[in-house]
Protein backbone atom coordinates (compact mmCIF):
# COMPACT_ATOMS: atom_id res chain seq x y z
CA MET A 1 -138.87 -69.41 -121.78
CA TRP A 2 -141.19 -69.69 -118.78
CA ILE A 3 -143.80 -72.19 -119.94
CA CYS A 4 -147.20 -72.37 -118.27
CA ASP A 5 -148.15 -76.04 -118.50
CA GLN A 6 -150.11 -76.65 -115.29
CA TRP A 7 -153.59 -75.65 -116.48
CA LYS A 8 -156.41 -78.20 -116.50
CA ASP A 9 -159.34 -75.87 -117.34
CA TYR A 10 -157.47 -74.05 -120.12
CA GLU A 11 -155.78 -75.54 -123.19
CA LEU A 12 -154.18 -74.04 -126.29
CA LEU A 13 -155.33 -76.65 -128.77
CA ASP A 14 -153.81 -75.36 -132.02
CA ALA A 15 -152.53 -72.20 -133.75
CA SER A 16 -152.32 -71.21 -137.42
CA ASP A 17 -153.20 -68.43 -139.89
CA GLY A 18 -152.98 -65.66 -137.31
CA GLU A 19 -155.38 -67.41 -134.93
CA LYS A 20 -155.26 -69.58 -131.84
CA LEU A 21 -157.75 -72.28 -130.93
CA GLU A 22 -158.38 -72.47 -127.21
CA ARG A 23 -160.42 -74.44 -124.69
CA TRP A 24 -161.69 -72.39 -121.76
CA GLY A 25 -163.39 -74.93 -119.52
CA LYS A 26 -165.85 -76.69 -121.81
CA TYR A 27 -166.00 -73.91 -124.42
CA ILE A 28 -163.86 -73.62 -127.56
CA LEU A 29 -162.80 -70.15 -128.75
CA ILE A 30 -160.94 -68.90 -131.81
CA ARG A 31 -159.07 -65.63 -131.30
CA PRO A 32 -156.53 -63.67 -133.36
CA ASP A 33 -152.93 -63.59 -132.17
CA PRO A 34 -150.14 -61.51 -133.75
CA GLN A 35 -147.49 -64.09 -132.86
CA VAL A 36 -149.12 -66.79 -135.01
CA LEU A 37 -147.22 -66.09 -138.22
CA TRP A 38 -147.40 -69.56 -139.80
CA ARG A 39 -150.12 -70.62 -142.19
CA GLY A 40 -151.86 -73.69 -143.53
CA VAL A 41 -151.44 -76.01 -140.54
CA LYS A 42 -154.86 -76.06 -138.89
CA ASN A 43 -154.93 -79.72 -137.91
CA SER A 44 -157.19 -79.90 -134.86
CA ARG A 45 -160.73 -81.13 -135.46
CA PHE A 46 -161.94 -78.46 -133.00
CA TRP A 47 -161.45 -75.65 -135.55
CA GLN A 48 -164.82 -76.72 -136.94
CA ARG A 49 -166.44 -77.05 -133.52
CA SER A 50 -165.76 -73.69 -131.90
CA ASP A 51 -168.38 -72.02 -129.73
CA ALA A 52 -167.27 -68.51 -130.72
CA ASP A 53 -164.92 -66.93 -133.24
CA TYR A 54 -163.56 -63.41 -132.84
CA ARG A 55 -163.28 -61.58 -136.17
CA ARG A 56 -161.58 -58.25 -136.66
CA SER A 57 -163.37 -55.49 -138.57
CA SER A 58 -161.74 -53.56 -141.43
CA SER A 59 -163.00 -50.37 -139.74
CA GLY A 60 -161.33 -51.25 -136.44
CA GLY A 61 -162.21 -53.43 -133.50
CA GLY A 62 -164.13 -56.61 -134.11
CA SER A 63 -166.85 -58.89 -132.77
CA TRP A 64 -167.64 -62.46 -131.80
CA SER A 65 -169.33 -64.50 -134.53
CA GLU A 66 -171.03 -67.88 -134.25
CA ASN A 67 -171.34 -67.05 -130.58
CA ARG A 68 -172.79 -69.92 -128.58
CA LEU A 69 -171.26 -68.87 -125.28
CA PRO A 70 -172.98 -68.00 -122.01
CA GLU A 71 -172.51 -64.44 -120.80
CA ALA A 72 -169.87 -65.67 -118.35
CA TRP A 73 -168.54 -68.86 -116.78
CA SER A 74 -165.81 -69.91 -114.35
CA ILE A 75 -162.57 -71.86 -114.67
CA ASN A 76 -160.03 -72.99 -112.07
CA TYR A 77 -156.27 -72.84 -111.78
CA ARG A 78 -155.05 -74.85 -108.82
CA ASP A 79 -157.02 -73.38 -105.88
CA LEU A 80 -158.00 -70.19 -107.74
CA THR A 81 -161.26 -69.54 -109.58
CA PHE A 82 -161.79 -66.94 -112.31
CA ARG A 83 -164.80 -65.52 -114.12
CA ILE A 84 -164.42 -65.72 -117.89
CA LYS A 85 -166.37 -63.22 -119.97
CA PRO A 86 -165.59 -62.59 -123.67
CA MET A 87 -165.17 -58.87 -124.27
CA GLY A 88 -165.36 -56.53 -127.23
CA PHE A 89 -161.63 -56.56 -127.94
CA LYS A 90 -161.04 -60.34 -128.15
CA HIS A 91 -160.17 -60.58 -124.44
CA THR A 92 -161.71 -63.08 -122.03
CA GLY A 93 -160.77 -61.36 -118.78
CA LEU A 94 -157.73 -63.56 -118.11
CA PHE A 95 -154.24 -64.11 -119.53
CA PRO A 96 -153.58 -67.82 -118.85
CA GLU A 97 -149.82 -67.62 -119.49
CA GLN A 98 -149.50 -65.38 -116.42
CA ALA A 99 -150.09 -68.42 -114.22
CA ALA A 100 -146.36 -69.14 -114.56
CA ASN A 101 -145.71 -65.85 -112.76
CA TRP A 102 -148.44 -66.53 -110.20
CA ASP A 103 -146.70 -69.76 -109.22
CA TRP A 104 -143.32 -68.01 -108.99
CA PHE A 105 -144.33 -65.19 -106.67
CA SER A 106 -146.79 -67.29 -104.65
CA ASP A 107 -143.92 -69.54 -103.58
CA LEU A 108 -141.89 -66.46 -102.60
CA ILE A 109 -144.74 -65.02 -100.53
CA ARG A 110 -145.42 -68.30 -98.72
CA SER A 111 -141.76 -68.82 -97.85
CA ALA A 112 -141.00 -65.21 -96.88
CA GLY A 113 -141.58 -65.83 -93.18
CA ARG A 114 -143.04 -62.34 -92.69
CA PRO A 115 -146.10 -60.33 -93.75
CA ILE A 116 -145.82 -59.23 -97.39
CA LYS A 117 -147.57 -56.16 -98.78
CA VAL A 118 -148.05 -56.23 -102.57
CA LEU A 119 -148.87 -53.38 -104.96
CA ASN A 120 -150.47 -54.59 -108.20
CA LEU A 121 -150.50 -51.84 -110.85
CA PHE A 122 -152.53 -51.98 -114.07
CA ALA A 123 -154.11 -54.89 -112.24
CA TYR A 124 -156.92 -55.65 -114.75
CA THR A 125 -159.28 -58.38 -113.49
CA GLY A 126 -157.02 -59.41 -110.65
CA GLY A 127 -155.36 -62.67 -111.63
CA ALA A 128 -152.16 -61.67 -109.86
CA THR A 129 -154.08 -60.03 -107.01
CA VAL A 130 -156.00 -63.22 -106.29
CA ALA A 131 -152.87 -65.39 -106.51
CA ALA A 132 -150.90 -63.12 -104.16
CA ALA A 133 -153.74 -62.89 -101.64
CA LYS A 134 -154.24 -66.65 -101.71
CA ALA A 135 -150.55 -67.06 -100.89
CA GLY A 136 -151.05 -64.89 -97.80
CA ALA A 137 -150.10 -61.36 -98.91
CA SER A 138 -152.07 -58.18 -98.38
CA VAL A 139 -152.67 -56.53 -101.76
CA VAL A 140 -153.44 -53.06 -103.10
CA HIS A 141 -155.07 -53.53 -106.51
CA VAL A 142 -155.00 -50.47 -108.82
CA ASP A 143 -156.61 -50.09 -112.25
CA ALA A 144 -158.17 -47.13 -114.02
CA ALA A 145 -161.14 -49.16 -115.36
CA LYS A 146 -164.00 -49.44 -112.89
CA GLY A 147 -165.45 -52.49 -114.63
CA MET A 148 -162.16 -54.40 -114.44
CA VAL A 149 -161.86 -53.69 -110.72
CA ALA A 150 -165.42 -54.95 -110.21
CA THR A 151 -164.48 -58.20 -111.96
CA ALA A 152 -161.38 -58.48 -109.78
CA LYS A 153 -163.63 -58.38 -106.72
CA GLU A 154 -165.74 -61.17 -108.23
CA ASN A 155 -162.63 -63.28 -108.87
CA ALA A 156 -161.52 -62.80 -105.28
CA ALA A 157 -164.93 -63.88 -104.02
CA LEU A 158 -164.95 -66.95 -106.29
CA SER A 159 -161.56 -67.93 -104.85
CA GLY A 160 -162.81 -67.62 -101.26
CA LEU A 161 -161.07 -64.29 -100.67
CA SER A 162 -164.01 -61.96 -99.99
CA ASP A 163 -162.56 -61.12 -96.58
CA ALA A 164 -158.89 -61.15 -97.62
CA PRO A 165 -156.81 -57.98 -97.05
CA ILE A 166 -157.26 -56.62 -100.59
CA ARG A 167 -157.77 -52.91 -101.19
CA TYR A 168 -159.30 -52.05 -104.58
CA ILE A 169 -158.45 -48.67 -106.12
CA VAL A 170 -159.97 -47.20 -109.31
CA ASP A 171 -157.34 -44.66 -110.32
CA ASP A 172 -154.62 -43.71 -112.75
CA CYS A 173 -151.59 -45.76 -111.71
CA ARG A 174 -149.06 -42.94 -111.98
CA LYS A 175 -151.17 -40.57 -109.92
CA PHE A 176 -151.75 -43.24 -107.30
CA VAL A 177 -148.03 -44.00 -106.99
CA GLU A 178 -147.21 -40.30 -106.69
CA ARG A 179 -149.69 -40.00 -103.82
CA GLU A 180 -148.28 -43.09 -102.10
CA ILE A 181 -144.79 -41.56 -102.27
CA ARG A 182 -146.07 -38.40 -100.60
CA ARG A 183 -147.89 -40.44 -97.95
CA GLY A 184 -144.79 -42.51 -97.21
CA ASN A 185 -146.52 -45.82 -97.97
CA ARG A 186 -144.21 -48.66 -98.96
CA TYR A 187 -144.61 -52.14 -100.44
CA ASP A 188 -142.57 -55.33 -100.21
CA ALA A 189 -143.46 -56.43 -103.72
CA ILE A 190 -144.66 -54.73 -106.89
CA ILE A 191 -146.39 -56.26 -109.91
CA MET A 192 -146.78 -54.18 -113.07
CA ASP A 193 -148.64 -55.14 -116.25
CA PRO A 194 -148.79 -51.84 -118.18
CA PRO A 195 -150.65 -51.47 -121.50
CA SER A 196 -148.88 -50.80 -124.77
CA TYR A 197 -150.91 -47.66 -125.33
CA GLY A 198 -153.48 -45.69 -123.39
CA ARG A 199 -154.73 -42.34 -122.20
CA GLY A 200 -154.80 -40.97 -118.68
CA PRO A 201 -157.81 -39.34 -116.99
CA THR A 202 -156.99 -35.92 -118.45
CA GLY A 203 -156.08 -37.17 -121.91
CA GLU A 204 -152.35 -37.66 -121.43
CA VAL A 205 -150.94 -40.34 -123.75
CA TRP A 206 -149.18 -43.44 -122.45
CA LYS A 207 -146.82 -45.23 -124.87
CA ILE A 208 -144.99 -47.97 -123.05
CA GLU A 209 -141.71 -47.63 -124.96
CA GLU A 210 -141.53 -43.95 -124.01
CA ALA A 211 -142.98 -44.13 -120.49
CA ILE A 212 -141.73 -47.36 -118.94
CA ASP A 213 -138.26 -46.20 -117.85
CA GLY A 214 -139.58 -43.17 -115.99
CA PHE A 215 -142.42 -45.14 -114.46
CA VAL A 216 -140.18 -47.94 -113.15
CA SER A 217 -137.94 -45.26 -111.62
CA LEU A 218 -140.98 -43.66 -109.97
CA VAL A 219 -142.31 -46.96 -108.63
CA ALA A 220 -138.95 -47.74 -107.04
CA ASP A 221 -139.77 -45.02 -104.51
CA VAL A 222 -142.57 -47.11 -102.99
CA LEU A 223 -140.49 -50.24 -102.42
CA SER A 224 -139.84 -51.06 -98.78
CA ASP A 225 -136.40 -51.30 -97.19
CA GLN A 226 -136.67 -55.10 -97.39
CA PRO A 227 -138.32 -55.78 -100.75
CA LEU A 228 -139.16 -59.32 -101.81
CA PHE A 229 -139.71 -59.09 -105.57
CA PHE A 230 -140.49 -56.83 -108.50
CA LEU A 231 -142.37 -58.20 -111.53
CA LEU A 232 -142.78 -56.35 -114.84
CA ASN A 233 -144.85 -57.76 -117.71
CA SER A 234 -145.31 -56.59 -121.29
CA TYR A 235 -147.22 -57.76 -124.36
CA THR A 236 -145.64 -55.12 -126.57
CA THR A 237 -143.60 -56.74 -129.35
CA GLY A 238 -141.33 -53.69 -129.59
CA LEU A 239 -140.32 -53.98 -125.92
CA SER A 240 -138.20 -57.09 -125.43
CA PRO A 241 -137.70 -58.85 -122.09
CA SER A 242 -133.99 -57.97 -122.33
CA ALA A 243 -134.78 -54.26 -122.67
CA MET A 244 -137.10 -54.46 -119.67
CA LYS A 245 -134.39 -56.23 -117.70
CA TYR A 246 -131.91 -53.46 -118.52
CA ILE A 247 -134.36 -50.85 -117.22
CA THR A 248 -135.06 -52.87 -114.09
CA GLU A 249 -131.39 -53.35 -113.33
CA LEU A 250 -130.78 -49.61 -113.73
CA ARG A 251 -133.75 -48.33 -111.75
CA ILE A 252 -134.33 -51.13 -109.23
CA GLY A 253 -131.17 -53.24 -109.02
CA ARG A 254 -128.67 -50.41 -108.53
CA ARG A 255 -130.71 -49.10 -105.64
CA PHE A 256 -131.88 -52.28 -103.89
CA GLY A 257 -129.56 -55.01 -105.17
CA GLY A 258 -130.90 -58.42 -106.07
CA ARG A 259 -130.96 -60.25 -109.39
CA ALA A 260 -133.18 -59.84 -112.45
CA ASP A 261 -134.17 -62.61 -114.85
CA ALA A 262 -135.98 -61.90 -118.12
CA ASP A 263 -137.68 -64.25 -120.55
CA GLU A 264 -140.73 -64.87 -122.68
CA LEU A 265 -143.86 -66.50 -121.32
CA GLY A 266 -145.24 -69.38 -123.33
CA LEU A 267 -148.19 -71.73 -123.65
CA PRO A 268 -147.74 -75.26 -125.02
CA VAL A 269 -149.78 -76.06 -128.15
CA THR A 270 -151.44 -79.47 -127.83
CA GLU A 271 -151.63 -80.24 -131.56
CA THR A 272 -147.97 -79.57 -132.37
CA GLY A 273 -146.10 -79.87 -129.09
CA SER A 274 -144.48 -76.48 -129.76
CA VAL A 275 -144.82 -73.41 -127.53
CA LEU A 276 -146.57 -70.16 -128.47
CA PRO A 277 -144.79 -67.05 -127.13
CA CYS A 278 -147.16 -64.83 -125.12
CA GLY A 279 -145.30 -61.70 -124.09
CA GLY A 280 -142.40 -61.29 -121.72
CA SER A 281 -141.58 -60.70 -118.08
CA VAL A 282 -138.79 -59.51 -115.83
CA ARG A 283 -138.59 -61.10 -112.40
CA HIS A 284 -136.38 -59.20 -109.97
CA LEU A 285 -135.68 -61.08 -106.77
CA PHE A 286 -134.08 -59.34 -103.79
């Protein structure tokens, strides 16, 4: 497991009864998590001191209760700064476990000894974009949600990257990649964090288990002749890191060589000393 244990402004305090207790800067949040299957072990005193508690609704969705949070605030990871803003579907605008991947590819970019061009697909609020740009890469950031791309620009500015070579694209990722293939544009590194389920701009359905093999094969066509890395993330419980590795080896490795490693990402739980699994990744290094 790749464990993210270098945070100072984020802490997973405890986890029990389908919920996790987290510290984001100076604020304490309670959020549901499907991986928290154990019950009856809420030991941290902060369960009773939370600033907001996300509760699911029986009719779908959910809302924040006992909300004593500001509209937004900032936290730091190393030399990066991110805007935190609780959203309607339990999200905060950042996945802290991904910092383990940021550290991995940032070291690769810094030591590459050449300019590195990164394509970040399903790029959300730009955690990976900001990390890659801070390490010295030029980045094309693609996400279909205009609001998420706007937040990514804010995160870049907060991290001192307003003038960094980042190109922000609001578009369907598949359509963008297809256009890049036709244009002949190529990238030295690709980061992908696709959703479990979604709909395209004309209503087409995306189900990751059905779409991921074809999409990885498509994306391979925009890798450069000297690629540096390929990173694929998933939070879908039905798509294991090993299955993603198999796809990557078939569609990327057979064509470009290199080596793929797959594992879960994890966050240490302060109260118990155990690690909460938080999705999986495949890291393909060329």
